[in-house]
């Protein structure tokens, strides 16, 4: 089993920044990739960014490319998402997820991940 706990969400004005964290515990030796997704009210959960645990290859959704940076600290088993130039349309619950299977494929798909956190709310005011 693996547990994921997100933190760092909150209320921010448009144009501001937030840094989300996701701490993994449990069977962390089985992490091969991690990702961030978000879900706004009434919408489906959508891919934001993903990173392979090693060597740290990154993938981004077009909607956040250039504004968000995904990173990880292997020693701390922690995933991060730095979000800049936030817009009201970024308002959503943000989830982190872990893929424990090989090979790594289709990291933009919800179905590619085996464990999920509970989410952290990000609200961007205009």
Foldseek 3Di string as FASTA:
>chain_A
DKAKAKDWADEEAAQAKIKMKIFMDDPLVLFQKKFKWWDAPPGDIFGAKMFGPPPTDIDGDPVQPPFWDWDDDSVRNMIMIIGGRDDQVVWTWMKMFTARDDDDDDPRDPVRGDDIHPTDTHGYHD
